[in-house]
Amino acid sequence: MTLSAPPPGPPPGPVPAPASDPAAPALDAAAARRYRTVTRQALGRPEPDRADAGPLAAFVLTHPLAERTVAGLAAGHGPYSLLHLAQEIELHAPLRPGAALEARAELLGARVEAKGTRLALRTRLTGRGTGTALADLTTHVLLAGVSAVEPRGALRTAPAPRQEAPGSKVTRPVAVDREWIARYGEAAGDLNPVHLLPAAAREAGFPDVIAHGMALVAVAVEEIAERYAGGHADRIRALGARFAHPALPGPGTLLELTPPAAPPGHGDTVLFTVRSRDSTAVKGGWARLAPAAGGHR
């Protein structure tokens, strides 16, 4: 994908029908563990001692369908660059290894902006045959260079929950280098050249390869699980984040966490921010924890 100006696109078409994947990939426990292990390497933490999948597994499982859906919407509009703006995930039930799954994606909204077309896409992961909702994901992206999409729907992002009684802020360095970015891309199945090839990144307008935005969110999830959920990644039931600036390899990436105050009853949400050098890479981050006793809600 490039940032070169595309030729005029075709006239706006009808609202696209929801796309579906009736045989979405089943959760592979070994692959989910490998994903978490690679993520934790950026924190200097060992591989997880539990087999929890956590909320990022839902993103990895549904990402191929979401990517195909966005590519279909952009088809015929010339060269474009895809920018991930925000992500929200809510788990309704645990993701079990080997369970038969289905995925369905639908366009929630589209709006032409100065740099291209902004889209909001909802992807739902369900049990195959049962229809039980397992996860809902809302993805906001910008198709830079596409300006012929008919405006429709809504583009609202979920605001970060307020903390009535914030606890002490924690800051943790994150080791982001080219090798780790490549390992994460392989584990997540996201091999976009801007994350892997310096030449492709420069062509897209970046000085070097950039870290995946969801890699930084995954790092936050792992640290939150370790510090505030007893290492149980599956206690993180919902999260949201906005991607404000690319994170480059090299020193200077910091994760900031703000938990609720320690006494019970002060909240169940941890706020997070990721800073890269002098810029905020991930802002408005939040993760909601389930009670230690378990049970989705």
Protein backbone atom coordinates (compact mmCIF):
# COMPACT_ATOMS: atom_id res chain seq x y z
CA MET A 1 0.00 0.00 0.00
CA THR A 2 1.23 3.50 -0.78
CA LEU A 3 0.30 7.07 0.01
CA SER A 4 0.31 8.21 -3.62
CA ALA A 5 -2.79 10.07 -4.80
CA PRO A 6 -5.32 7.67 -6.38
CA PRO A 7 -7.29 8.33 -9.54
CA PRO A 8 -10.94 9.30 -9.08
CA GLY A 9 -12.89 6.38 -7.67
CA PRO A 10 -16.21 4.98 -8.83
CA PRO A 11 -19.43 6.60 -7.70
CA PRO A 12 -20.70 5.60 -4.26
CA GLY A 13 -22.44 2.25 -4.24
CA PRO A 14 -25.09 0.70 -2.00
CA VAL A 15 -24.42 -0.01 1.64
CA PRO A 16 -22.39 -3.25 1.67
CA ALA A 17 -23.99 -6.29 3.25
CA PRO A 18 -22.33 -7.70 6.36
CA ALA A 19 -19.50 -10.09 5.57
CA SER A 20 -19.22 -13.42 7.33
CA ASP A 21 -16.70 -16.17 7.88
CA PRO A 22 -18.69 -19.30 8.74
CA ALA A 23 -15.52 -21.19 9.60
CA ALA A 24 -13.35 -18.71 11.45
CA PRO A 25 -10.11 -20.15 12.81
CA ALA A 26 -10.56 -22.01 16.07
CA LEU A 27 -8.50 -20.81 19.00
CA ASP A 28 -5.16 -22.61 18.95
CA ALA A 29 -3.93 -22.79 22.54
CA ALA A 30 -0.28 -23.12 21.50
CA ALA A 31 -0.54 -20.15 19.12
CA ALA A 32 -2.29 -18.04 21.78
CA ARG A 33 0.47 -18.87 24.27
CA ARG A 34 3.13 -18.00 21.68
CA TYR A 35 1.41 -14.66 21.03
CA ARG A 36 1.41 -13.83 24.73
CA THR A 37 5.01 -14.99 25.14
CA VAL A 38 6.23 -12.71 22.35
CA THR A 39 4.24 -9.79 23.77
CA ARG A 40 5.72 -10.28 27.25
CA GLN A 41 9.26 -10.25 25.87
CA ALA A 42 8.93 -6.48 25.40
CA LEU A 43 8.35 -6.22 29.16
CA GLY A 44 11.22 -8.54 30.09
CA ARG A 45 8.71 -11.03 31.52
CA PRO A 46 8.89 -14.81 31.05
CA GLU A 47 6.29 -16.76 29.11
CA PRO A 48 2.90 -16.95 30.86
CA ASP A 49 2.42 -19.71 33.39
CA ARG A 50 -1.28 -19.95 32.54
CA ALA A 51 -3.06 -20.95 29.34
CA ASP A 52 -5.44 -17.95 29.36
CA ALA A 53 -6.15 -16.52 25.92
CA GLY A 54 -7.18 -13.01 26.98
CA PRO A 55 -9.08 -10.44 24.89
CA LEU A 56 -6.37 -9.99 22.24
CA ALA A 57 -7.02 -13.54 21.02
CA ALA A 58 -10.41 -12.36 19.76
CA PHE A 59 -8.69 -9.64 17.74
CA VAL A 60 -6.22 -12.09 16.18
CA LEU A 61 -9.04 -14.52 15.27
CA THR A 62 -11.26 -11.88 13.65
CA HIS A 63 -8.57 -9.70 12.07
CA PRO A 64 -8.46 -11.59 8.74
CA LEU A 65 -12.21 -11.06 8.16
CA ALA A 66 -12.02 -7.40 9.20
CA GLU A 67 -9.06 -6.87 6.87
CA ARG A 68 -10.87 -8.50 3.92
CA THR A 69 -13.97 -6.43 4.61
CA VAL A 70 -12.04 -3.16 4.60
CA ALA A 71 -10.15 -4.18 1.46
CA GLY A 72 -13.48 -4.89 -0.25
CA LEU A 73 -14.78 -1.45 0.66
CA ALA A 74 -11.62 0.16 -0.74
CA ALA A 75 -11.56 -1.91 -3.94
CA GLY A 76 -11.62 0.17 -7.12
CA HIS A 77 -10.55 3.40 -5.41
CA GLY A 78 -6.86 3.23 -6.33
CA PRO A 79 -3.80 3.03 -4.06
CA TYR A 80 -4.42 3.72 -0.39
CA SER A 81 -2.82 3.37 3.02
CA LEU A 82 -4.65 1.78 5.93
CA LEU A 83 -4.25 3.49 9.32
CA HIS A 84 -5.63 1.90 12.50
CA LEU A 85 -7.21 4.70 14.59
CA ALA A 86 -8.92 2.99 17.51
CA GLN A 87 -9.94 -0.40 18.83
CA GLU A 88 -12.51 -1.64 21.33
CA ILE A 89 -12.97 -5.27 22.43
CA GLU A 90 -15.54 -6.83 24.73
CA LEU A 91 -15.54 -10.50 25.69
CA HIS A 92 -18.91 -12.02 26.56
CA ALA A 93 -17.67 -15.55 27.29
CA PRO A 94 -14.31 -17.32 27.55
CA LEU A 95 -12.57 -18.34 24.32
CA ARG A 96 -11.99 -22.09 24.53
CA PRO A 97 -9.24 -23.86 22.55
CA GLY A 98 -10.58 -25.83 19.60
CA ALA A 99 -14.12 -24.44 19.82
CA ALA A 100 -15.87 -24.03 16.44
CA LEU A 101 -16.31 -20.33 15.71
CA GLU A 102 -18.01 -17.98 13.26
CA ALA A 103 -17.23 -14.34 12.58
CA ARG A 104 -19.36 -11.61 11.06
CA ALA A 105 -18.32 -8.07 10.13
CA GLU A 106 -20.50 -5.07 9.30
CA LEU A 107 -19.88 -1.44 8.49
CA LEU A 108 -21.14 0.86 11.23
CA GLY A 109 -20.19 4.15 9.63
CA ALA A 110 -18.14 5.93 6.98
CA ARG A 111 -17.12 9.56 6.61
CA VAL A 112 -14.89 11.34 4.12
CA GLU A 113 -12.24 13.48 5.82
CA ALA A 114 -9.34 15.61 4.59
CA LYS A 115 -6.90 12.69 4.42
CA GLY A 116 -9.29 9.99 3.22
CA THR A 117 -12.24 7.97 4.44
CA ARG A 118 -12.76 6.99 8.05
CA LEU A 119 -14.60 3.73 8.71
CA ALA A 120 -16.06 2.08 11.80
CA LEU A 121 -16.38 -1.69 11.54
CA ARG A 122 -17.95 -4.09 14.03
CA THR A 123 -16.88 -7.72 14.08
CA ARG A 124 -18.69 -10.32 16.17
CA LEU A 125 -17.28 -13.70 17.13
CA THR A 126 -19.87 -16.39 17.89
CA GLY A 127 -19.99 -20.10 18.57
CA ARG A 128 -20.61 -22.02 15.36
CA GLY A 129 -23.99 -23.69 15.43
CA THR A 130 -25.00 -22.09 18.75
CA GLY A 131 -24.88 -18.42 17.77
CA THR A 132 -23.66 -17.59 21.28
CA ALA A 133 -21.90 -14.21 21.23
CA LEU A 134 -18.32 -14.59 22.43
CA ALA A 135 -16.79 -11.22 21.55
CA ASP A 136 -17.63 -7.89 19.92
CA LEU A 137 -14.88 -5.79 18.38
CA THR A 138 -15.20 -2.26 17.02
CA THR A 139 -12.40 -1.08 14.77
CA HIS A 140 -11.86 2.48 13.50
CA VAL A 141 -9.59 2.89 10.48
CA LEU A 142 -8.64 5.57 7.98
CA LEU A 143 -8.33 4.71 4.30
CA ALA A 144 -5.83 7.44 3.37
CA GLY A 145 -6.26 8.32 -0.29
CA VAL A 146 -9.86 7.07 -0.65
CA SER A 147 -12.45 9.84 -0.94
CA ALA A 148 -15.35 8.43 -2.95
CA VAL A 149 -17.16 6.42 -0.26
CA GLU A 150 -20.73 7.46 0.55
CA PRO A 151 -21.02 8.85 4.11
CA ARG A 152 -23.22 6.71 6.31
CA GLY A 153 -23.80 5.56 9.86
CA ALA A 154 -22.04 6.65 13.04
CA LEU A 155 -18.37 6.81 14.00
CA ARG A 156 -18.54 7.18 17.76
CA THR A 157 -15.69 5.79 19.87
CA ALA A 158 -16.29 4.65 23.42
CA PRO A 159 -14.79 7.18 25.85
CA ALA A 160 -12.41 5.94 28.50
CA PRO A 161 -14.28 5.34 31.77
CA ARG A 162 -13.70 7.87 34.53
CA GLN A 163 -11.84 6.80 37.62
CA GLU A 164 -13.48 8.33 40.66
CA ALA A 165 -10.54 7.34 42.87
CA PRO A 166 -7.35 6.75 40.86
CA GLY A 167 -4.49 4.89 42.49
CA SER A 168 -0.76 5.45 42.13
CA LYS A 169 0.52 5.64 38.55
CA VAL A 170 2.97 2.95 37.43
CA THR A 171 5.50 3.50 34.62
CA ARG A 172 7.20 0.59 32.89
CA PRO A 173 9.74 0.71 30.00
CA VAL A 174 8.87 -1.31 26.89
CA ALA A 175 11.67 -2.75 24.74
CA VAL A 176 10.61 -2.07 21.15
CA ASP A 177 13.13 -3.02 18.44
CA ARG A 178 12.87 -4.25 14.86
CA GLU A 179 13.29 -7.88 15.87
CA TRP A 180 10.50 -7.75 18.43
CA ILE A 181 8.17 -5.96 16.00
CA ALA A 182 8.80 -8.71 13.43
CA ARG A 183 8.24 -11.48 16.00
CA TYR A 184 4.98 -9.88 17.09
CA GLY A 185 3.80 -9.56 13.47
CA GLU A 186 4.47 -13.24 12.86
CA ALA A 187 2.71 -14.30 16.08
CA ALA A 188 -0.29 -12.04 15.32
CA GLY A 189 -0.44 -12.86 11.60
CA ASP A 190 -0.02 -9.17 10.68
CA LEU A 191 2.77 -8.96 8.12
CA ASN A 192 2.09 -5.47 6.77
CA PRO A 193 5.41 -4.33 5.23
CA VAL A 194 5.40 -1.03 7.15
CA HIS A 195 6.08 -3.11 10.27
CA LEU A 196 8.77 -5.28 8.71
CA LEU A 197 10.62 -3.49 5.89
CA PRO A 198 12.30 -0.10 6.41
CA ALA A 199 11.97 0.69 2.69
CA ALA A 200 8.21 0.07 2.75
CA ALA A 201 7.88 2.16 5.91
CA ARG A 202 9.77 5.05 4.31
CA GLU A 203 7.59 4.83 1.20
CA ALA A 204 4.56 5.19 3.48
CA GLY A 205 6.06 8.31 5.08
CA PHE A 206 7.67 6.86 8.23
CA PRO A 207 11.38 7.18 9.10
CA ASP A 208 11.62 3.49 10.03
CA VAL A 209 9.41 0.46 10.58
CA ILE A 210 6.68 1.12 13.12
CA ALA A 211 5.30 -1.07 15.89
CA HIS A 212 1.81 -2.51 15.48
CA GLY A 213 -0.64 -0.44 17.49
CA MET A 214 -2.22 -3.61 18.85
CA ALA A 215 1.21 -4.83 19.95
CA LEU A 216 1.35 -1.88 22.34
CA VAL A 217 -2.18 -2.62 23.56
CA ALA A 218 -1.20 -6.27 24.06
CA VAL A 219 1.78 -5.14 26.15
CA ALA A 220 -0.57 -3.08 28.33
CA VAL A 221 -2.94 -6.05 28.72
CA GLU A 222 -0.10 -8.33 29.85
CA GLU A 223 1.21 -5.85 32.40
CA ILE A 224 -2.30 -5.15 33.73
CA ALA A 225 -2.99 -8.88 34.07
CA GLU A 226 0.31 -9.39 35.87
CA ARG A 227 -0.09 -6.52 38.31
CA TYR A 228 -3.82 -6.36 38.99
CA ALA A 229 -5.36 -9.71 37.97
CA GLY A 230 -3.02 -12.28 39.47
CA GLY A 231 -1.64 -13.15 36.04
CA HIS A 232 -5.10 -14.08 34.74
CA ALA A 233 -5.33 -12.47 31.28
CA ASP A 234 -8.88 -13.79 30.88
CA ARG A 235 -10.01 -11.53 33.73
CA ILE A 236 -9.65 -8.59 31.33
CA ARG A 237 -13.11 -8.57 29.77
CA ALA A 238 -13.18 -5.29 27.86
CA LEU A 239 -10.73 -2.69 26.62
CA GLY A 240 -10.41 0.33 24.38
CA ALA A 241 -7.60 2.47 22.99
CA ARG A 242 -6.87 5.13 20.39
CA PHE A 243 -3.73 5.19 18.25
CA ALA A 244 -2.32 8.70 18.09
CA HIS A 245 1.25 8.42 16.82
CA PRO A 246 3.50 5.66 15.41
CA ALA A 247 5.95 4.00 17.80
CA LEU A 248 9.43 3.60 16.33
CA PRO A 249 12.01 1.01 17.31
CA GLY A 250 14.67 2.04 19.78
CA PRO A 251 14.72 3.35 23.36
CA GLY A 252 12.13 5.66 24.81
CA THR A 253 8.86 3.65 24.81
CA LEU A 254 7.05 3.78 28.16
CA LEU A 255 3.83 2.19 29.41
CA GLU A 256 1.89 4.17 32.02
CA LEU A 257 -0.83 2.48 34.09
CA THR A 258 -3.30 4.12 36.44
CA PRO A 259 -5.23 1.57 38.52
CA PRO A 260 -8.18 2.32 40.75
CA ALA A 261 -7.39 3.01 44.39
CA ALA A 262 -6.65 -0.11 46.39
CA PRO A 263 -9.70 -0.46 48.71
CA PRO A 264 -12.56 -2.54 47.25
CA GLY A 265 -15.38 -0.62 45.62
CA HIS A 266 -13.22 2.03 43.97
CA GLY A 267 -13.60 0.60 40.46
CA ASP A 268 -12.60 -2.20 38.17
CA THR A 269 -10.87 -0.28 35.36
CA VAL A 270 -7.17 0.35 34.75
CA LEU A 271 -6.28 3.26 32.48
CA PHE A 272 -3.19 3.12 30.27
CA THR A 273 -1.08 5.25 27.94
CA VAL A 274 1.92 4.31 25.80
CA ARG A 275 4.48 6.99 25.03
CA SER A 276 7.11 6.66 22.30
CA ARG A 277 10.01 9.07 22.75
CA ASP A 278 8.37 12.51 22.94
CA SER A 279 4.96 11.49 21.53
CA THR A 280 1.88 9.68 22.79
CA ALA A 281 1.49 6.52 20.72
CA VAL A 282 -1.58 5.04 22.47
CA LYS A 283 -3.97 7.30 24.37
CA GLY A 284 -7.27 6.93 26.15
CA GLY A 285 -6.50 3.28 26.93
CA TRP A 286 -8.64 1.41 29.43
CA ALA A 287 -9.09 -2.20 30.50
CA ARG A 288 -11.96 -3.51 32.63
CA LEU A 289 -11.31 -6.38 35.01
CA ALA A 290 -13.76 -9.05 36.06
CA PRO A 291 -13.98 -9.96 39.75
CA ALA A 292 -11.32 -12.35 41.02
CA ALA A 293 -14.04 -14.93 41.62
CA GLY A 294 -14.55 -15.11 37.84
CA GLY A 295 -17.69 -14.96 35.75
CA HIS A 296 -18.32 -12.81 32.73
CA ARG A 297 -20.53 -9.76 33.01
